[in-house]
Amino acid sequence: MQVFVRDNNVEQALKVLKKKMQREGVFREMKQRRAYEKPSERKTREKAEAVRRMRKAARKQAQREGLLPAPKRPARDARGGRPGFGARPGFGAPPRPRPVTAAPGSPEAIGDTTGTLT
């Protein structure tokens, strides 16, 4: 596997290398090889993976031919973000103001607005 470093940008080259390794399945194989896998277990796992791949390919083919509806895509909010992910400080939206709370035992927390304790 070969990655070129352009303009001394090593970070970008590492990103490209990582993406290539993920596409090739290197990380998945390293994870599987951490422990010994019996040949019989390997065969059953590989058969299950093949069945999964075939089902996925058949489902995609049926969607292309119009036999199955296309998968529903999650709705985006008005800003184009994902639903359920609120505004985060530093990501376009201004930070939300924090409520001011009184210290425990202070006159404000007790409800005494005169400023004297009785």
N, C-alpha and C. Protein backbone atom coordinates (compact mmCIF):
# COMPACT_ATOMS: atom_id res chain seq x y z
N MET A 1 0.85 -1.16 0.00
CA MET A 1 0.00 0.00 0.00
C MET A 1 0.90 1.23 0.00
N GLN A 2 0.57 2.21 -0.81
CA GLN A 2 1.43 3.36 -0.97
C GLN A 2 0.62 4.64 -0.85
N VAL A 3 1.17 5.60 -0.10
CA VAL A 3 0.52 6.89 0.09
C VAL A 3 1.57 7.96 -0.15
N PHE A 4 1.23 8.98 -0.91
CA PHE A 4 2.14 10.07 -1.19
C PHE A 4 1.89 11.21 -0.22
N VAL A 5 2.98 11.81 0.26
CA VAL A 5 2.90 12.99 1.14
C VAL A 5 3.12 14.21 0.27
N ARG A 6 2.10 15.04 0.17
CA ARG A 6 2.20 16.25 -0.65
C ARG A 6 2.39 17.47 0.24
N ASP A 7 3.31 18.33 -0.14
CA ASP A 7 3.57 19.59 0.58
C ASP A 7 3.86 19.35 2.06
N ASN A 8 4.54 18.28 2.39
CA ASN A 8 4.87 17.94 3.79
C ASN A 8 3.63 17.84 4.68
N ASN A 9 2.50 17.50 4.10
CA ASN A 9 1.25 17.38 4.86
C ASN A 9 1.10 15.92 5.29
N VAL A 10 1.74 15.58 6.40
CA VAL A 10 1.74 14.20 6.89
C VAL A 10 0.37 13.82 7.43
N GLU A 11 -0.32 14.77 8.05
CA GLU A 11 -1.65 14.48 8.62
C GLU A 11 -2.60 14.01 7.53
N GLN A 12 -2.60 14.70 6.39
CA GLN A 12 -3.48 14.32 5.28
C GLN A 12 -3.08 12.94 4.75
N ALA A 13 -1.79 12.67 4.66
CA ALA A 13 -1.33 11.37 4.18
C ALA A 13 -1.76 10.26 5.14
N LEU A 14 -1.71 10.52 6.45
CA LEU A 14 -2.16 9.52 7.43
C LEU A 14 -3.65 9.25 7.28
N LYS A 15 -4.43 10.31 7.03
CA LYS A 15 -5.87 10.12 6.82
C LYS A 15 -6.13 9.24 5.61
N VAL A 16 -5.40 9.51 4.52
CA VAL A 16 -5.56 8.71 3.30
C VAL A 16 -5.17 7.27 3.56
N LEU A 17 -4.05 7.06 4.29
CA LEU A 17 -3.60 5.70 4.60
C LEU A 17 -4.64 4.96 5.44
N LYS A 18 -5.18 5.63 6.45
CA LYS A 18 -6.18 5.00 7.31
C LYS A 18 -7.41 4.60 6.51
N LYS A 19 -7.86 5.49 5.61
CA LYS A 19 -9.04 5.20 4.79
C LYS A 19 -8.78 4.00 3.88
N LYS A 20 -7.57 3.96 3.28
CA LYS A 20 -7.23 2.82 2.41
C LYS A 20 -7.21 1.52 3.21
N MET A 21 -6.63 1.57 4.42
CA MET A 21 -6.56 0.36 5.25
C MET A 21 -7.95 -0.09 5.67
N GLN A 22 -8.84 0.85 5.98
CA GLN A 22 -10.21 0.47 6.33
C GLN A 22 -10.90 -0.17 5.14
N ARG A 23 -10.70 0.40 3.95
CA ARG A 23 -11.34 -0.13 2.76
C ARG A 23 -10.85 -1.54 2.45
N GLU A 24 -9.58 -1.80 2.72
CA GLU A 24 -9.00 -3.13 2.46
C GLU A 24 -9.34 -4.14 3.54
N GLY A 25 -9.84 -3.68 4.69
CA GLY A 25 -10.21 -4.60 5.76
C GLY A 25 -9.05 -4.99 6.67
N VAL A 26 -8.00 -4.18 6.70
CA VAL A 26 -6.82 -4.50 7.51
C VAL A 26 -7.17 -4.46 9.00
N PHE A 27 -7.90 -3.43 9.41
CA PHE A 27 -8.25 -3.30 10.83
C PHE A 27 -9.15 -4.45 11.28
N ARG A 28 -10.09 -4.83 10.44
CA ARG A 28 -11.00 -5.94 10.78
C ARG A 28 -10.21 -7.23 10.94
N GLU A 29 -9.26 -7.45 10.03
CA GLU A 29 -8.46 -8.67 10.10
C GLU A 29 -7.55 -8.68 11.33
N MET A 30 -6.98 -7.51 11.67
CA MET A 30 -6.14 -7.44 12.87
C MET A 30 -6.96 -7.76 14.11
N LYS A 31 -8.18 -7.26 14.16
CA LYS A 31 -9.05 -7.52 15.31
C LYS A 31 -9.38 -9.01 15.40
N GLN A 32 -9.64 -9.66 14.26
CA GLN A 32 -9.97 -11.08 14.27
C GLN A 32 -8.77 -11.93 14.67
N ARG A 33 -7.58 -11.50 14.33
CA ARG A 33 -6.38 -12.29 14.61
C ARG A 33 -5.82 -12.08 16.01
N ARG A 34 -6.49 -11.28 16.82
CA ARG A 34 -6.02 -11.10 18.20
C ARG A 34 -6.08 -12.41 18.97
N ALA A 35 -7.06 -13.24 18.66
CA ALA A 35 -7.21 -14.53 19.33
C ALA A 35 -7.33 -15.61 18.26
N TYR A 36 -6.96 -16.83 18.64
CA TYR A 36 -7.03 -17.94 17.71
C TYR A 36 -8.48 -18.27 17.39
N GLU A 37 -8.71 -18.55 16.12
CA GLU A 37 -10.05 -18.93 15.68
C GLU A 37 -9.96 -20.33 15.06
N LYS A 38 -10.74 -21.25 15.60
CA LYS A 38 -10.72 -22.61 15.10
C LYS A 38 -11.19 -22.62 13.64
N PRO A 39 -10.66 -23.54 12.84
CA PRO A 39 -11.07 -23.60 11.43
C PRO A 39 -12.58 -23.77 11.24
N SER A 40 -13.22 -24.55 12.13
CA SER A 40 -14.67 -24.74 11.99
C SER A 40 -15.40 -23.43 12.28
N GLU A 41 -14.94 -22.67 13.30
CA GLU A 41 -15.57 -21.39 13.61
C GLU A 41 -15.34 -20.39 12.47
N ARG A 42 -14.15 -20.46 11.86
CA ARG A 42 -13.85 -19.56 10.75
C ARG A 42 -14.78 -19.83 9.57
N LYS A 43 -15.01 -21.13 9.28
CA LYS A 43 -15.90 -21.48 8.17
C LYS A 43 -17.32 -20.98 8.42
N THR A 44 -17.83 -21.19 9.64
CA THR A 44 -19.20 -20.74 9.93
C THR A 44 -19.29 -19.22 9.85
N ARG A 45 -18.26 -18.51 10.34
CA ARG A 45 -18.28 -17.04 10.28
C ARG A 45 -18.24 -16.57 8.84
N GLU A 46 -17.37 -17.17 8.03
CA GLU A 46 -17.26 -16.76 6.63
C GLU A 46 -18.54 -17.06 5.86
N LYS A 47 -19.20 -18.19 6.17
CA LYS A 47 -20.48 -18.50 5.51
C LYS A 47 -21.54 -17.48 5.89
N ALA A 48 -21.59 -17.12 7.18
CA ALA A 48 -22.57 -16.13 7.63
C ALA A 48 -22.31 -14.78 6.96
N GLU A 49 -21.03 -14.39 6.83
CA GLU A 49 -20.70 -13.14 6.15
C GLU A 49 -21.12 -13.18 4.69
N ALA A 50 -20.91 -14.33 4.03
CA ALA A 50 -21.29 -14.46 2.63
C ALA A 50 -22.80 -14.35 2.47
N VAL A 51 -23.55 -14.98 3.38
CA VAL A 51 -25.02 -14.90 3.32
C VAL A 51 -25.46 -13.45 3.49
N ARG A 52 -24.84 -12.74 4.45
CA ARG A 52 -25.18 -11.33 4.68
C ARG A 52 -24.91 -10.49 3.43
N ARG A 53 -23.74 -10.73 2.80
CA ARG A 53 -23.40 -9.98 1.58
C ARG A 53 -24.40 -10.25 0.47
N MET A 54 -24.79 -11.53 0.31
CA MET A 54 -25.73 -11.88 -0.75
C MET A 54 -27.10 -11.25 -0.52
N ARG A 55 -27.56 -11.28 0.74
CA ARG A 55 -28.85 -10.66 1.05
C ARG A 55 -28.83 -9.16 0.79
N LYS A 56 -27.71 -8.53 1.17
CA LYS A 56 -27.60 -7.09 0.96
C LYS A 56 -27.59 -6.77 -0.53
N ALA A 57 -26.85 -7.55 -1.32
CA ALA A 57 -26.79 -7.34 -2.76
C ALA A 57 -28.17 -7.55 -3.39
N ALA A 58 -28.89 -8.59 -2.94
CA ALA A 58 -30.23 -8.85 -3.48
C ALA A 58 -31.19 -7.73 -3.12
N ARG A 59 -31.07 -7.21 -1.89
CA ARG A 59 -31.94 -6.10 -1.46
C ARG A 59 -31.66 -4.85 -2.31
N LYS A 60 -30.38 -4.55 -2.55
CA LYS A 60 -30.04 -3.38 -3.36
C LYS A 60 -30.53 -3.55 -4.79
N GLN A 61 -30.40 -4.76 -5.33
CA GLN A 61 -30.87 -5.03 -6.69
C GLN A 61 -32.38 -4.86 -6.79
N ALA A 62 -33.10 -5.35 -5.78
CA ALA A 62 -34.56 -5.20 -5.77
C ALA A 62 -34.96 -3.73 -5.69
N GLN A 63 -34.20 -2.94 -4.93
CA GLN A 63 -34.49 -1.51 -4.84
C GLN A 63 -34.24 -0.83 -6.18
N ARG A 64 -33.17 -1.22 -6.87
CA ARG A 64 -32.87 -0.63 -8.18
C ARG A 64 -33.96 -0.96 -9.19
N GLU A 65 -34.50 -2.18 -9.11
CA GLU A 65 -35.54 -2.60 -10.06
C GLU A 65 -36.91 -2.08 -9.67
N GLY A 66 -37.03 -1.47 -8.50
CA GLY A 66 -38.30 -0.90 -8.08
C GLY A 66 -39.20 -1.88 -7.36
N LEU A 67 -38.70 -3.05 -7.00
CA LEU A 67 -39.52 -4.03 -6.30
C LEU A 67 -39.65 -3.68 -4.82
N LEU A 68 -38.65 -3.00 -4.27
CA LEU A 68 -38.67 -2.56 -2.88
C LEU A 68 -38.55 -1.04 -2.85
N PRO A 69 -39.19 -0.40 -1.87
CA PRO A 69 -39.01 1.06 -1.76
C PRO A 69 -37.60 1.38 -1.30
N ALA A 70 -37.13 2.56 -1.68
CA ALA A 70 -35.80 3.00 -1.26
C ALA A 70 -35.80 3.23 0.24
N PRO A 71 -34.67 3.03 0.90
CA PRO A 71 -34.63 3.25 2.36
C PRO A 71 -34.91 4.71 2.67
N LYS A 72 -35.64 4.92 3.77
CA LYS A 72 -35.98 6.28 4.16
C LYS A 72 -34.77 6.94 4.77
N ARG A 73 -34.49 8.16 4.31
CA ARG A 73 -33.37 8.91 4.84
C ARG A 73 -33.86 9.75 6.00
N PRO A 74 -33.06 9.91 7.05
CA PRO A 74 -33.50 10.72 8.19
C PRO A 74 -33.68 12.17 7.78
N ALA A 75 -34.73 12.80 8.32
CA ALA A 75 -35.03 14.18 8.00
C ALA A 75 -33.96 15.09 8.59
N ARG A 76 -33.63 16.14 7.87
CA ARG A 76 -32.65 17.12 8.35
C ARG A 76 -33.40 18.31 8.93
N ASP A 77 -32.78 18.97 9.90
CA ASP A 77 -33.43 20.16 10.44
C ASP A 77 -33.15 21.34 9.51
N ALA A 78 -33.61 22.53 9.88
CA ALA A 78 -33.52 23.70 9.01
C ALA A 78 -32.08 24.06 8.65
N ARG A 79 -31.14 23.79 9.56
CA ARG A 79 -29.74 24.15 9.31
C ARG A 79 -29.00 23.03 8.59
N GLY A 80 -29.64 21.92 8.31
CA GLY A 80 -28.98 20.82 7.62
C GLY A 80 -28.34 19.81 8.54
N GLY A 81 -28.53 19.96 9.85
CA GLY A 81 -27.93 19.03 10.80
C GLY A 81 -28.79 17.80 10.99
N ARG A 82 -28.28 16.87 11.76
CA ARG A 82 -29.03 15.64 12.02
C ARG A 82 -30.05 15.89 13.12
N PRO A 83 -31.20 15.23 13.04
CA PRO A 83 -32.20 15.42 14.09
C PRO A 83 -31.72 14.81 15.40
N GLY A 84 -32.07 15.47 16.49
CA GLY A 84 -31.69 14.97 17.80
C GLY A 84 -30.35 15.48 18.27
N PHE A 85 -29.64 16.18 17.41
CA PHE A 85 -28.36 16.76 17.80
C PHE A 85 -28.55 18.26 17.87
N GLY A 86 -28.72 18.77 19.07
CA GLY A 86 -28.98 20.18 19.25
C GLY A 86 -27.78 21.03 18.91
N ALA A 87 -27.98 22.33 19.02
CA ALA A 87 -26.90 23.26 18.73
C ALA A 87 -25.78 23.07 19.74
N ARG A 88 -24.55 22.99 19.23
CA ARG A 88 -23.40 22.84 20.11
C ARG A 88 -22.58 24.11 20.05
N PRO A 89 -22.09 24.57 21.19
CA PRO A 89 -21.28 25.78 21.20
C PRO A 89 -20.07 25.64 20.29
N GLY A 90 -19.82 26.67 19.51
CA GLY A 90 -18.68 26.65 18.61
C GLY A 90 -18.97 25.99 17.28
N PHE A 91 -20.20 25.54 17.05
CA PHE A 91 -20.56 24.89 15.80
C PHE A 91 -21.69 25.65 15.12
N GLY A 92 -21.54 26.95 14.98
CA GLY A 92 -22.51 27.74 14.23
C GLY A 92 -23.52 28.46 15.09
N ALA A 93 -24.01 27.85 16.12
CA ALA A 93 -25.03 28.48 16.96
C ALA A 93 -24.36 29.15 18.16
N PRO A 94 -24.90 30.29 18.61
CA PRO A 94 -24.31 30.92 19.79
C PRO A 94 -24.55 30.07 21.02
N PRO A 95 -23.67 30.14 22.01
CA PRO A 95 -23.85 29.32 23.22
C PRO A 95 -25.09 29.74 23.98
N ARG A 96 -25.72 28.76 24.59
CA ARG A 96 -26.93 29.04 25.37
C ARG A 96 -26.55 29.69 26.70
N PRO A 97 -27.33 30.67 27.17
CA PRO A 97 -27.02 31.27 28.47
C PRO A 97 -27.34 30.29 29.59
N ARG A 98 -26.48 30.27 30.60
CA ARG A 98 -26.69 29.37 31.73
C ARG A 98 -27.55 30.07 32.77
N PRO A 99 -28.45 29.33 33.41
CA PRO A 99 -29.26 29.95 34.46
C PRO A 99 -28.39 30.25 35.68
N VAL A 100 -28.65 31.39 36.30
CA VAL A 100 -27.90 31.79 37.49
C VAL A 100 -28.62 31.21 38.70
N THR A 101 -27.90 30.43 39.48
CA THR A 101 -28.50 29.84 40.68
C THR A 101 -27.81 30.41 41.90
N ALA A 102 -28.57 30.54 42.95
CA ALA A 102 -28.03 31.08 44.20
C ALA A 102 -27.30 29.99 44.96
N ALA A 103 -26.34 30.40 45.76
CA ALA A 103 -25.59 29.45 46.57
C ALA A 103 -26.50 28.89 47.66
N PRO A 104 -26.35 27.61 48.02
CA PRO A 104 -27.19 27.04 49.07
C PRO A 104 -26.98 27.77 50.39
N GLY A 105 -28.08 28.10 51.06
CA GLY A 105 -28.02 28.79 52.34
C GLY A 105 -28.03 30.30 52.22
N SER A 106 -27.92 30.82 51.00
CA SER A 106 -27.93 32.27 50.84
C SER A 106 -29.36 32.77 50.96
N PRO A 107 -29.56 34.06 51.23
CA PRO A 107 -30.92 34.60 51.36
C PRO A 107 -31.74 34.40 50.09
N GLU A 108 -31.09 34.46 48.92
CA GLU A 108 -31.84 34.27 47.67
C GLU A 108 -32.37 32.84 47.56
N ALA A 109 -31.56 31.87 48.01
CA ALA A 109 -31.98 30.48 47.93
C ALA A 109 -33.09 30.19 48.92
N ILE A 110 -33.06 30.86 50.08
CA ILE A 110 -34.08 30.64 51.11
C ILE A 110 -35.38 31.34 50.73
N GLY A 111 -35.26 32.43 49.99
CA GLY A 111 -36.45 33.17 49.60
C GLY A 111 -36.56 34.51 50.31
N ASP A 112 -35.58 34.85 51.12
CA ASP A 112 -35.59 36.11 51.86
C ASP A 112 -35.02 37.19 50.94
N THR A 113 -35.85 38.13 50.55
CA THR A 113 -35.40 39.18 49.65
C THR A 113 -35.00 40.45 50.38
N THR A 114 -35.21 40.52 51.70
CA THR A 114 -34.86 41.72 52.45
C THR A 114 -33.37 41.81 52.72
N GLY A 115 -32.66 40.71 52.68
CA GLY A 115 -31.24 40.74 52.91
C GLY A 115 -30.85 40.47 54.34
N THR A 116 -31.83 40.31 55.24
CA THR A 116 -31.51 40.01 56.64
C THR A 116 -32.07 38.65 56.99
N LEU A 117 -31.36 37.94 57.82
CA LEU A 117 -31.81 36.63 58.27
C LEU A 117 -32.48 36.77 59.62
N THR A 118 -33.57 36.11 59.85
CA THR A 118 -34.26 36.16 61.14
C THR A 118 -34.31 34.81 61.76
